Amino acid sequence: MKPLFYIMKRSFVNRVKEIVRKPSYLIFYIFLILVIGGFFVISFIMPAENTSTIPKISFELIAAGSVLIITYFQLNQGIEKGNSFFRQSDVNFVFTAPISRKKVLIYGFIKEMFTTLLIIFFLVFQIPNLKNHYPISNVGIIVLIVSVAVLFFCMSLISLILYSITSKKGSYRVLAKRIINGIYIAFISWFTITLVNVKDLLTAANNVFESKVFNSIPVVGWFKIVLSYSTKELDGTFYMNLIFIVITIVILMLLLYNLNTDYYEDVLGATLRKEKQLAAKRSGKSVREIKTDKVKKVKGNFGSGGAKAIFYKHMMEYRKSGFFFISKETLGIVAFGIASKFFMEHSSLRTVLYFSVYMLLIYSMQGKWMEEMKMHYIYLIPAGSIEKIFFGTLANHLKNFVDGLILFAISGFMFKADIITILLSAITYTTFGALFVYNDVLARRLFGSAHSKVFRLIMKILIVLVFIVPGIAGGSIIEFIVLKGSPYATYFNYLIMIAYNITLSFLLLLSGRKIFEISEL
């Protein structure tokens, strides 16, 4: 194992040296560490459960729903593509080295544990918000973080084993998919029957997710119980389910360690797919865009030249990949936005807006404008940099506006909101999207492509913590203090946020205006 540990140690040391040599990177990495540390401290010292904002949904339901969703997608990925603990460099050098195949697998396990740190990174930022709504103790924070990390690691093991078995024959893959879908269909049928009997969504969910039958389901039920103890005192039930999980992971590791003699072949395809995903993310594409599925044939033309041609190119690409701007991301944002109505006791259309903006922060990590950065012609177009940025991002704004209209038309109907409020909500949502997009532009301009992913994330955190707050606070002051009691107070709140977001977006655009003028970036 010494050569393998040496590889991990040298990779870490070289990464640190690269950061130290560039003070601007070092400053922001230090800032990132301070932010994470700050959130850890806040998570442990802040009081639990603000009773004025207790949500309708219990923590047990959130835990059960999260485990079910993660499990379903991981199992399907295992059947279709498998999972891989390795990179292409491992395939080229480690796999061909005279090192025991079992030791290489342990090396992969250790690397996979480090990848879960990214998941923990995002989870840390949710803990203060969760603790504000639920009685999560300091011990509960540790239980939550460790449980989520172990869940993803366990699913990675199951995914690799499934791929190893089902990749032998196409009929195995079909049978496995039918079994998994059949189990989930049976679960949905159980929930539907319960809902018909009790005639209340949350009551039906509680009856199903907190039943002994669900808690007894291997892996899914065990992890749900362990996660639910983030808000409760640990007892014998917690330790018993924890023991079941540990035994399961040991059995899974033994299966891979002793039975899967050809796992090199099994992970090769998944490793190549992972490399394509990483390359796609670095160029600004989403994972679904690297698929080789057939795309629609569309007729179109470039309505203008110069920088506007970039916009027409993006419009044509959207038409090929889906129904106008409607995509899986649209459905995801709409689903999560509407779900927020059931999360808070006194939810409103504003609740949907803020929750959807939070989801948009995650989805806006990628964009079509970033794909243009690797195209040489972008630097040859006879137009100003600001014009290139604007038309290169215009399609993103239109997509956000369409998503917002769909989301708030449905939500507005549920909350019985007027047309003006629905339209202002969609416009506000679009301006938040513009804020995130031009923040990405500035991050790319400052830090280039090598560290852009990390620093874009840091810049977005800065926006959430610093830049967005004044606009939301200013609008709230106008509505609830200055124009309190006025029938137009809500409209002015939206208008203040829209004006603030547009102004800040313009400043960010100006700050990153030279991005298309310096090809080295």
Protein backbone atom coordinates (compact mmCIF):
# COMPACT_ATOMS: atom_id res chain seq x y z
CA MET A 1 0.00 0.00 0.00
CA LYS A 2 3.00 2.34 0.40
CA PRO A 3 3.14 3.32 -3.31
CA LEU A 4 -0.58 4.08 -3.29
CA PHE A 5 -0.38 6.18 -0.13
CA TYR A 6 2.58 7.98 -1.67
CA ILE A 7 0.44 8.91 -4.71
CA MET A 8 -2.27 10.37 -2.47
CA LYS A 9 0.26 12.24 -0.35
CA ARG A 10 2.12 13.73 -3.31
CA SER A 11 -1.14 14.74 -5.02
CA PHE A 12 -2.18 16.64 -1.92
CA VAL A 13 1.25 18.27 -1.47
CA ASN A 14 1.41 19.35 -5.12
CA ARG A 15 -2.04 20.86 -4.87
CA VAL A 16 -1.03 22.85 -1.80
CA LYS A 17 2.16 24.08 -3.51
CA GLU A 18 0.15 25.23 -6.53
CA ILE A 19 -2.14 27.27 -4.29
CA VAL A 20 0.70 28.77 -2.22
CA ARG A 21 2.51 29.96 -5.37
CA LYS A 22 -0.52 32.11 -6.27
CA PRO A 23 -1.44 34.48 -3.41
CA SER A 24 -4.85 35.35 -4.91
CA TYR A 25 -5.85 31.68 -4.83
CA LEU A 26 -4.42 31.25 -1.35
CA ILE A 27 -6.46 34.17 0.01
CA PHE A 28 -9.69 32.74 -1.28
CA TYR A 29 -8.93 29.22 -0.09
CA ILE A 30 -8.27 30.64 3.37
CA PHE A 31 -11.56 32.50 3.09
CA LEU A 32 -13.30 29.26 2.15
CA ILE A 33 -11.84 27.49 5.18
CA LEU A 34 -12.95 30.35 7.42
CA VAL A 35 -16.47 30.25 5.98
CA ILE A 36 -16.79 26.51 6.54
CA GLY A 37 -15.35 26.86 10.03
CA GLY A 38 -17.71 29.73 10.72
CA PHE A 39 -20.73 27.69 9.71
CA PHE A 40 -19.54 24.81 11.89
CA VAL A 41 -19.24 27.16 14.86
CA ILE A 42 -22.64 28.72 14.15
CA SER A 43 -24.18 25.26 13.84
CA PHE A 44 -22.93 24.22 17.26
CA ILE A 45 -23.56 27.44 19.21
CA MET A 46 -26.91 28.57 17.79
CA PRO A 47 -30.03 27.52 19.71
CA ALA A 48 -32.15 24.80 18.14
CA GLU A 49 -35.70 25.19 16.78
CA ASN A 50 -37.18 28.63 16.32
CA THR A 51 -40.77 27.82 17.30
CA SER A 52 -42.14 30.73 15.27
CA THR A 53 -41.11 29.06 12.01
CA ILE A 54 -41.75 25.38 12.74
CA PRO A 55 -42.41 23.69 9.37
CA LYS A 56 -45.30 21.40 8.61
CA ILE A 57 -43.02 18.57 7.49
CA SER A 58 -41.34 16.54 10.21
CA PHE A 59 -37.63 15.79 10.07
CA GLU A 60 -38.43 12.08 9.74
CA LEU A 61 -40.26 12.76 6.46
CA ILE A 62 -37.32 14.77 5.10
CA ALA A 63 -34.91 11.97 6.07
CA ALA A 64 -37.08 9.27 4.48
CA GLY A 65 -37.67 11.23 1.27
CA SER A 66 -33.98 12.05 0.90
CA VAL A 67 -32.93 8.42 1.37
CA LEU A 68 -35.52 7.19 -1.14
CA ILE A 69 -34.48 9.69 -3.82
CA ILE A 70 -30.74 9.10 -3.37
CA THR A 71 -31.22 5.33 -3.38
CA TYR A 72 -33.35 5.31 -6.52
CA PHE A 73 -30.97 7.40 -8.60
CA GLN A 74 -27.87 5.58 -7.36
CA LEU A 75 -29.37 2.15 -8.09
CA ASN A 76 -30.42 3.17 -11.59
CA GLN A 77 -26.98 4.62 -12.24
CA GLY A 78 -25.44 1.36 -11.08
CA ILE A 79 -27.54 -0.59 -13.57
CA GLU A 80 -26.98 1.75 -16.49
CA LYS A 81 -23.43 3.02 -16.09
CA GLY A 82 -22.00 1.77 -12.80
CA ASN A 83 -19.86 3.87 -10.50
CA SER A 84 -16.14 4.30 -10.26
CA PHE A 85 -13.76 5.15 -7.44
CA PHE A 86 -10.98 5.81 -9.95
CA ARG A 87 -9.75 8.35 -12.49
CA GLN A 88 -8.23 7.71 -15.90
CA SER A 89 -4.74 8.21 -14.44
CA ASP A 90 -5.42 5.30 -12.06
CA VAL A 91 -6.45 3.14 -15.01
CA ASN A 92 -3.26 3.98 -16.89
CA PHE A 93 -0.77 3.68 -14.04
CA VAL A 94 -2.21 2.01 -10.95
CA PHE A 95 -4.12 -0.75 -12.73
CA THR A 96 -1.05 -1.69 -14.75
CA ALA A 97 1.31 -1.63 -11.75
CA PRO A 98 2.41 -4.88 -10.04
CA ILE A 99 0.17 -4.17 -7.04
CA SER A 100 -2.44 -6.47 -5.61
CA ARG A 101 -5.86 -5.89 -7.10
CA LYS A 102 -7.36 -5.96 -3.60
CA LYS A 103 -5.03 -3.22 -2.38
CA VAL A 104 -5.98 -1.11 -5.39
CA LEU A 105 -9.63 -1.53 -4.42
CA ILE A 106 -8.89 -0.32 -0.89
CA TYR A 107 -7.10 2.65 -2.45
CA GLY A 108 -10.27 3.37 -4.41
CA PHE A 109 -12.37 3.17 -1.25
CA ILE A 110 -10.15 5.73 0.46
CA LYS A 111 -10.38 8.09 -2.53
CA GLU A 112 -14.17 7.72 -2.53
CA MET A 113 -14.28 8.75 1.13
CA PHE A 114 -12.50 11.99 0.25
CA THR A 115 -15.02 12.75 -2.51
CA THR A 116 -17.81 12.70 0.08
CA LEU A 117 -16.19 15.80 1.61
CA LEU A 118 -17.79 17.85 -1.18
CA ILE A 119 -21.20 16.56 -0.15
CA ILE A 120 -20.43 17.42 3.46
CA PHE A 121 -19.35 20.88 2.31
CA PHE A 122 -22.84 21.61 0.96
CA LEU A 123 -24.50 19.97 3.95
CA VAL A 124 -22.65 22.21 6.40
CA PHE A 125 -24.31 25.29 4.90
CA GLN A 126 -27.76 23.77 5.44
CA ILE A 127 -27.29 22.91 9.11
CA PRO A 128 -27.99 26.41 10.56
CA ASN A 129 -31.22 26.59 8.56
CA LEU A 130 -32.23 23.08 9.63
CA LYS A 131 -31.36 23.83 13.22
CA ASN A 132 -33.52 26.94 13.06
CA HIS A 133 -36.53 24.75 12.31
CA TYR A 134 -35.76 21.48 14.10
CA PRO A 135 -34.37 20.57 17.54
CA ILE A 136 -31.01 19.32 16.25
CA SER A 137 -28.49 18.93 19.08
CA ASN A 138 -24.71 19.12 18.75
CA VAL A 139 -24.59 15.32 18.74
CA GLY A 140 -27.33 15.41 16.12
CA ILE A 141 -25.13 17.52 13.83
CA ILE A 142 -22.43 14.87 13.92
CA VAL A 143 -25.03 12.12 13.33
CA LEU A 144 -26.41 14.03 10.34
CA ILE A 145 -23.05 14.68 8.67
CA VAL A 146 -21.64 11.19 9.21
CA SER A 147 -24.89 9.48 8.18
CA VAL A 148 -25.11 11.34 4.87
CA ALA A 149 -21.45 10.60 4.08
CA VAL A 150 -21.89 6.89 4.88
CA LEU A 151 -25.12 6.77 2.84
CA PHE A 152 -23.38 8.00 -0.32
CA PHE A 153 -20.45 5.64 0.26
CA CYS A 154 -22.79 2.68 0.77
CA MET A 155 -24.73 3.56 -2.39
CA SER A 156 -21.46 3.73 -4.33
CA LEU A 157 -20.62 0.19 -3.25
CA ILE A 158 -24.07 -1.10 -4.19
CA SER A 159 -23.87 0.74 -7.52
CA LEU A 160 -20.58 -0.93 -8.43
CA ILE A 161 -21.84 -4.39 -7.43
CA LEU A 162 -25.03 -3.94 -9.46
CA TYR A 163 -23.03 -2.89 -12.49
CA SER A 164 -20.74 -5.88 -12.08
CA ILE A 165 -23.68 -8.28 -12.10
CA THR A 166 -25.96 -6.69 -14.69
CA SER A 167 -23.20 -5.88 -17.20
CA LYS A 168 -22.79 -9.59 -17.98
CA LYS A 169 -26.03 -9.76 -19.99
CA GLY A 170 -28.53 -7.26 -21.30
CA SER A 171 -31.36 -9.35 -19.87
CA TYR A 172 -29.86 -8.97 -16.37
CA ARG A 173 -29.97 -5.20 -16.72
CA VAL A 174 -33.60 -5.23 -17.87
CA LEU A 175 -34.60 -7.58 -15.03
CA ALA A 176 -32.81 -5.45 -12.41
CA LYS A 177 -34.51 -2.26 -13.66
CA ARG A 178 -37.90 -3.96 -13.55
CA ILE A 179 -37.31 -5.15 -9.99
CA ILE A 180 -36.26 -1.69 -8.77
CA ASN A 181 -39.11 0.07 -10.59
CA GLY A 182 -41.53 -2.56 -9.34
CA ILE A 183 -40.46 -1.95 -5.74
CA TYR A 184 -40.91 1.80 -6.09
CA ILE A 185 -44.26 1.37 -7.88
CA ALA A 186 -45.41 -0.85 -5.03
CA PHE A 187 -44.30 1.82 -2.56
CA ILE A 188 -46.15 4.56 -4.48
CA SER A 189 -49.26 2.35 -4.57
CA TRP A 190 -49.03 1.86 -0.82
CA PHE A 191 -48.77 5.61 -0.32
CA THR A 192 -51.68 6.28 -2.72
CA ILE A 193 -53.97 3.82 -0.94
CA THR A 194 -53.07 5.40 2.41
CA LEU A 195 -53.73 8.87 1.00
CA VAL A 196 -57.17 7.84 -0.27
CA ASN A 197 -58.05 6.48 3.17
CA VAL A 198 -56.86 9.43 5.30
CA LYS A 199 -57.49 12.17 2.67
CA ASP A 200 -54.53 14.27 3.87
CA LEU A 201 -51.10 14.39 2.22
CA LEU A 202 -48.95 14.89 5.34
CA THR A 203 -50.94 12.42 7.41
CA ALA A 204 -50.54 9.79 4.70
CA ALA A 205 -46.80 10.49 4.49
CA ASN A 206 -46.43 10.16 8.26
CA ASN A 207 -48.39 6.90 8.30
CA VAL A 208 -46.19 5.39 5.59
CA PHE A 209 -42.70 6.73 6.43
CA GLU A 210 -43.01 6.21 10.18
CA SER A 211 -44.52 2.73 9.98
CA LYS A 212 -42.71 -0.37 11.20
CA VAL A 213 -42.82 -1.84 7.69
CA PHE A 214 -40.90 1.09 6.18
CA ASN A 215 -38.41 1.21 9.04
CA SER A 216 -37.68 -2.50 8.52
CA ILE A 217 -36.69 -2.10 4.85
CA PRO A 218 -32.97 -2.96 4.57
CA VAL A 219 -30.62 -0.01 4.03
CA VAL A 220 -33.42 2.51 3.23
CA GLY A 221 -35.25 2.06 6.52
CA TRP A 222 -32.05 1.78 8.53
CA PHE A 223 -30.57 4.99 7.18
CA LYS A 224 -33.89 6.80 7.63
CA ILE A 225 -33.97 5.82 11.31
CA VAL A 226 -30.34 6.82 11.90
CA LEU A 227 -30.85 10.19 10.19
CA SER A 228 -34.02 10.87 12.18
CA TYR A 229 -32.00 10.64 15.40
CA SER A 230 -30.40 13.97 14.49
CA THR A 231 -33.36 15.49 16.35
CA LYS A 232 -33.68 12.91 19.12
CA GLU A 233 -31.72 11.43 22.00
CA LEU A 234 -29.71 8.36 20.99
CA ASP A 235 -31.07 5.07 22.27
CA GLY A 236 -30.93 1.35 21.59
CA THR A 237 -32.89 1.63 18.32
CA PHE A 238 -30.30 4.02 16.91
CA TYR A 239 -27.36 1.76 17.78
CA MET A 240 -29.14 -1.34 16.50
CA ASN A 241 -29.76 0.23 13.07
CA LEU A 242 -26.23 1.61 13.04
CA ILE A 243 -24.91 -1.92 13.58
CA PHE A 244 -27.07 -3.15 10.65
CA ILE A 245 -25.54 -0.47 8.40
CA VAL A 246 -21.97 -1.28 9.44
CA ILE A 247 -22.52 -5.01 8.87
CA THR A 248 -24.04 -4.27 5.44
CA ILE A 249 -21.06 -2.14 4.38
CA VAL A 250 -18.62 -4.82 5.54
CA ILE A 251 -20.51 -7.46 3.55
CA LEU A 252 -20.55 -5.23 0.45
CA MET A 253 -16.81 -4.60 0.72
CA LEU A 254 -16.13 -8.31 1.13
CA LEU A 255 -18.20 -9.05 -1.97
CA LEU A 256 -16.12 -6.64 -4.02
CA TYR A 257 -12.90 -7.68 -2.33
CA ASN A 258 -13.25 -11.44 -2.79
CA LEU A 259 -15.94 -12.25 -5.35
CA ASN A 260 -15.61 -9.63 -8.06
CA THR A 261 -12.41 -10.84 -9.72
CA ASP A 262 -12.95 -8.74 -12.86
CA TYR A 263 -13.73 -5.39 -11.27
CA TYR A 264 -11.00 -3.73 -13.37
CA GLU A 265 -13.16 -4.41 -16.41
CA ASP A 266 -16.31 -3.34 -14.57
CA VAL A 267 -15.06 0.09 -13.55
CA LEU A 268 -13.32 0.91 -16.83
CA GLY A 269 -16.48 2.09 -18.60
CA ALA A 270 -17.66 4.02 -15.55
CA THR A 271 -14.24 5.68 -15.26
CA LEU A 272 -14.34 6.85 -18.87
CA ARG A 273 -17.83 8.21 -18.27
CA LYS A 274 -16.65 10.05 -15.16
CA GLU A 275 -13.84 11.69 -17.14
CA LYS A 276 -16.36 12.87 -19.74
CA GLN A 277 -18.56 14.28 -17.01
CA LEU A 278 -15.69 16.18 -15.43
CA ALA A 279 -14.60 17.54 -18.82
CA ALA A 280 -18.18 18.60 -19.53
CA LYS A 281 -18.50 20.38 -16.19
CA ARG A 282 -15.23 22.24 -16.73
CA SER A 283 -16.55 23.52 -20.07
CA GLY A 284 -19.86 24.59 -18.58
CA LYS A 285 -22.07 21.75 -19.80
CA SER A 286 -24.43 19.78 -17.63
CA VAL A 287 -23.97 16.03 -17.30
CA ARG A 288 -27.01 15.25 -19.44
CA GLU A 289 -25.48 17.18 -22.35
CA ILE A 290 -22.69 14.63 -22.84
CA LYS A 291 -25.13 11.88 -23.80
CA THR A 292 -25.08 10.60 -27.34
CA ASP A 293 -28.86 10.40 -27.67
CA LYS A 294 -30.44 11.62 -30.90
CA VAL A 295 -31.42 15.26 -30.95
CA LYS A 296 -34.27 16.87 -32.80
CA LYS A 297 -33.71 18.24 -36.28
CA VAL A 298 -34.78 21.85 -36.39
CA LYS A 299 -34.84 24.48 -39.09
CA GLY A 300 -33.50 27.89 -38.26
CA ASN A 301 -31.21 30.67 -39.32
CA PHE A 302 -29.02 33.27 -37.74
CA GLY A 303 -31.13 36.41 -37.68
CA SER A 304 -28.12 38.64 -37.36
CA GLY A 305 -24.33 38.66 -37.33
CA GLY A 306 -21.71 39.71 -34.84
CA ALA A 307 -22.30 39.03 -31.18
CA LYS A 308 -26.01 38.41 -31.78
CA ALA A 309 -25.06 35.23 -33.66
CA ILE A 310 -24.09 33.68 -30.30
CA PHE A 311 -27.64 34.22 -29.05
CA TYR A 312 -29.21 32.63 -32.15
CA LYS A 313 -26.83 29.70 -31.83
CA HIS A 314 -27.95 29.10 -28.22
CA MET A 315 -31.62 29.40 -29.19
CA MET A 316 -31.15 26.72 -31.84
CA GLU A 317 -29.39 24.45 -29.32
CA TYR A 318 -32.28 24.83 -26.86
CA ARG A 319 -34.74 23.90 -29.61
CA LYS A 320 -32.73 20.76 -30.40
CA SER A 321 -32.43 19.57 -26.81
CA GLY A 322 -36.00 20.01 -25.64
CA PHE A 323 -39.32 21.78 -25.91
CA PHE A 324 -38.24 25.41 -26.22
CA PHE A 325 -36.62 26.23 -22.83
CA ILE A 326 -38.45 23.57 -20.84
CA SER A 327 -36.03 20.91 -19.58
CA LYS A 328 -35.39 18.60 -16.64
CA GLU A 329 -34.00 21.57 -14.72
CA THR A 330 -37.30 23.40 -15.29
CA LEU A 331 -39.28 20.48 -13.89
CA GLY A 332 -36.91 20.21 -10.94
CA ILE A 333 -37.14 23.89 -10.02
CA VAL A 334 -40.94 23.88 -10.39
CA ALA A 335 -41.28 20.71 -8.28
CA PHE A 336 -39.04 21.96 -5.47
CA GLY A 337 -40.57 25.43 -5.60
CA ILE A 338 -44.12 24.12 -5.25
CA ALA A 339 -42.99 21.69 -2.53
CA SER A 340 -41.86 24.66 -0.42
CA LYS A 341 -45.56 25.56 0.00
CA PHE A 342 -45.96 22.51 2.20
CA PHE A 343 -42.76 23.12 4.15
CA MET A 344 -43.70 26.24 6.12
CA GLU A 345 -46.76 26.75 8.29
CA HIS A 346 -47.47 30.24 6.88
CA SER A 347 -46.01 29.93 3.39
CA SER A 348 -46.75 32.39 0.60
CA LEU A 349 -45.73 33.12 -2.97
CA ARG A 350 -42.68 34.89 -1.51
CA THR A 351 -41.69 31.62 0.18
CA VAL A 352 -41.75 29.90 -3.22
CA LEU A 353 -39.65 32.74 -4.68
CA TYR A 354 -36.89 32.55 -2.07
CA PHE A 355 -36.79 28.76 -2.10
CA SER A 356 -36.66 28.69 -5.92
CA VAL A 357 -33.87 31.27 -5.97
CA TYR A 358 -31.93 28.96 -3.66
CA MET A 359 -32.46 26.08 -6.10
CA LEU A 360 -31.45 28.35 -8.99
CA LEU A 361 -28.17 29.04 -7.21
CA ILE A 362 -27.38 25.33 -7.58
CA TYR A 363 -28.64 24.93 -11.16
CA SER A 364 -26.84 28.06 -12.40
CA MET A 365 -23.44 26.44 -11.81
CA GLN A 366 -23.47 25.74 -15.55
CA GLY A 367 -24.52 27.73 -18.59
CA LYS A 368 -24.24 27.78 -22.36
CA TRP A 369 -22.12 30.93 -22.32
CA MET A 370 -19.28 28.96 -20.70
CA GLU A 371 -19.17 26.59 -23.68
CA GLU A 372 -18.17 29.51 -25.88
CA MET A 373 -14.97 30.05 -23.89
CA LYS A 374 -13.30 27.09 -25.59
CA MET A 375 -14.32 28.25 -29.07
CA HIS A 376 -11.66 30.29 -30.84
CA TYR A 377 -14.16 32.29 -32.91
CA ILE A 378 -15.50 34.09 -29.83
CA TYR A 379 -12.34 36.19 -29.72
CA LEU A 380 -12.54 37.00 -33.46
CA ILE A 381 -16.09 38.36 -33.55
CA PRO A 382 -15.90 42.10 -34.32
CA ALA A 383 -17.87 43.26 -31.29
CA GLY A 384 -17.20 44.67 -27.85
CA SER A 385 -16.69 42.36 -24.89
CA ILE A 386 -19.80 43.63 -23.09
CA GLU A 387 -21.90 42.94 -26.19
CA LYS A 388 -20.49 39.41 -26.42
CA ILE A 389 -21.23 38.73 -22.76
CA PHE A 390 -24.77 40.09 -23.02
CA PHE A 391 -25.77 38.10 -26.10
CA GLY A 392 -23.81 35.08 -24.81
CA THR A 393 -25.93 35.07 -21.64
CA LEU A 394 -29.25 36.30 -23.06
CA ALA A 395 -30.52 32.76 -23.70
CA ASN A 396 -29.89 31.95 -20.02
CA HIS A 397 -32.04 34.91 -18.98
CA LEU A 398 -34.86 33.87 -21.32
CA LYS A 399 -34.77 30.33 -19.97
CA ASN A 400 -34.93 31.62 -16.39
CA PHE A 401 -37.89 33.83 -17.32
CA VAL A 402 -39.77 30.91 -18.91
CA ASP A 403 -39.01 28.75 -15.86
CA GLY A 404 -40.22 31.54 -13.60
CA LEU A 405 -43.45 32.03 -15.53
CA ILE A 406 -44.26 28.33 -15.32
CA LEU A 407 -43.34 28.11 -11.65
CA PHE A 408 -45.23 31.20 -10.48
CA ALA A 409 -48.25 30.65 -12.72
CA ILE A 410 -48.77 27.30 -10.96
CA SER A 411 -47.83 28.63 -7.52
CA GLY A 412 -49.92 31.78 -8.02
CA PHE A 413 -52.95 29.64 -8.77
CA MET A 414 -52.34 27.65 -5.58
CA PHE A 415 -51.97 30.81 -3.47
CA LYS A 416 -54.71 32.69 -5.39
CA ALA A 417 -52.30 35.53 -6.21
CA ASP A 418 -53.11 38.28 -8.71
CA ILE A 419 -51.55 38.44 -12.18
CA ILE A 420 -49.28 41.40 -11.36
CA THR A 421 -47.73 39.58 -8.37
CA ILE A 422 -47.19 36.46 -10.48
CA LEU A 423 -45.49 38.46 -13.24
CA LEU A 424 -43.33 40.43 -10.79
CA SER A 425 -42.30 37.17 -9.08
CA ALA A 426 -41.18 35.71 -12.42
CA ILE A 427 -39.21 38.87 -13.28
CA THR A 428 -37.59 38.94 -9.82
CA TYR A 429 -36.63 35.29 -10.23
CA THR A 430 -35.06 36.13 -13.62
CA THR A 431 -33.02 39.00 -12.16
CA PHE A 432 -31.66 36.71 -9.45
CA GLY A 433 -30.62 34.33 -12.23
CA ALA A 434 -28.84 37.20 -14.01
CA LEU A 435 -27.04 37.99 -10.76
CA PHE A 436 -25.73 34.44 -10.55
CA VAL A 437 -24.74 34.33 -14.23
CA TYR A 438 -22.70 37.54 -14.17
CA ASN A 439 -21.14 36.46 -10.91
CA ASP A 440 -19.90 33.39 -12.81
CA VAL A 441 -18.51 35.67 -15.51
CA LEU A 442 -16.57 37.70 -12.97
CA ALA A 443 -15.24 34.58 -11.21
CA ARG A 444 -14.01 33.21 -14.54
CA ARG A 445 -12.44 36.57 -15.38
CA LEU A 446 -10.57 36.76 -12.07
CA PHE A 447 -9.45 33.17 -11.63
CA GLY A 448 -9.48 31.58 -15.08
CA SER A 449 -10.54 28.01 -15.82
CA ALA A 450 -8.17 26.09 -13.54
CA HIS A 451 -9.81 27.15 -10.29
CA SER A 452 -13.01 28.61 -11.67
CA LYS A 453 -15.31 25.93 -10.25
CA VAL A 454 -14.09 26.43 -6.69
CA PHE A 455 -13.98 30.19 -6.88
CA ARG A 456 -17.33 30.50 -8.61
CA LEU A 457 -18.74 28.63 -5.64
CA ILE A 458 -16.97 31.01 -3.26
CA MET A 459 -18.26 34.04 -5.16
CA LYS A 460 -21.79 32.69 -5.02
CA ILE A 461 -21.49 32.25 -1.28
CA LEU A 462 -20.37 35.88 -1.08
CA ILE A 463 -23.42 36.93 -3.07
CA VAL A 464 -25.78 34.95 -0.86
CA LEU A 465 -24.23 36.26 2.36
CA VAL A 466 -23.44 39.84 1.35
CA PHE A 467 -24.85 41.07 -1.95
CA ILE A 468 -28.37 39.62 -2.00
CA VAL A 469 -29.25 40.55 1.57
CA PRO A 470 -29.43 44.36 1.00
CA GLY A 471 -31.90 43.98 -1.88
CA ILE A 472 -34.18 41.64 0.07
CA ALA A 473 -33.87 43.76 3.23
CA GLY A 474 -34.55 47.00 1.32
CA GLY A 475 -37.68 45.57 -0.29
CA SER A 476 -38.93 44.26 3.05
CA ILE A 477 -38.37 47.64 4.73
CA ILE A 478 -40.40 49.37 1.99
CA GLU A 479 -43.24 46.84 2.28
CA PHE A 480 -43.52 46.36 6.03
CA ILE A 481 -42.36 49.75 7.39
CA VAL A 482 -42.50 52.57 4.85
CA LEU A 483 -45.65 51.49 2.97
CA LYS A 484 -47.19 49.36 5.70
CA GLY A 485 -50.90 48.89 5.06
CA SER A 486 -50.74 50.12 1.48
CA PRO A 487 -52.32 47.79 -1.13
CA TYR A 488 -49.28 48.42 -3.36
CA ALA A 489 -46.64 47.64 -0.71
CA THR A 490 -46.01 44.13 -2.07
CA TYR A 491 -45.51 45.43 -5.61
CA PHE A 492 -42.92 47.96 -4.43
CA ASN A 493 -41.08 45.19 -2.56
CA TYR A 494 -40.69 43.27 -5.82
CA LEU A 495 -39.73 46.40 -7.75
CA ILE A 496 -37.00 47.26 -5.22
CA MET A 497 -35.50 43.76 -5.52
CA ILE A 498 -35.71 43.86 -9.32
CA ALA A 499 -34.00 47.27 -9.52
CA TYR A 500 -31.31 46.22 -7.04
CA ASN A 501 -30.58 42.95 -8.84
CA ILE A 502 -30.39 44.61 -12.26
CA THR A 503 -28.03 47.30 -10.95
CA LEU A 504 -25.74 44.77 -9.27
CA SER A 505 -25.83 42.48 -12.33
CA PHE A 506 -24.75 45.40 -14.53
CA LEU A 507 -21.85 46.17 -12.17
CA LEU A 508 -20.76 42.52 -12.23
CA LEU A 509 -20.99 42.53 -16.04
CA LEU A 510 -18.77 45.61 -16.21
CA SER A 511 -16.28 44.04 -13.80
CA GLY A 512 -15.91 40.91 -15.97
CA ARG A 513 -16.18 42.66 -19.34
CA LYS A 514 -12.66 41.69 -20.54
CA ILE A 515 -13.26 37.95 -20.32
CA PHE A 516 -13.66 37.60 -24.11
CA GLU A 517 -10.64 39.79 -24.82
CA ILE A 518 -7.93 37.69 -23.14
CA SER A 519 -7.76 34.22 -24.65
CA GLU A 520 -5.47 32.85 -21.91
CA LEU A 521 -8.45 32.85 -19.52
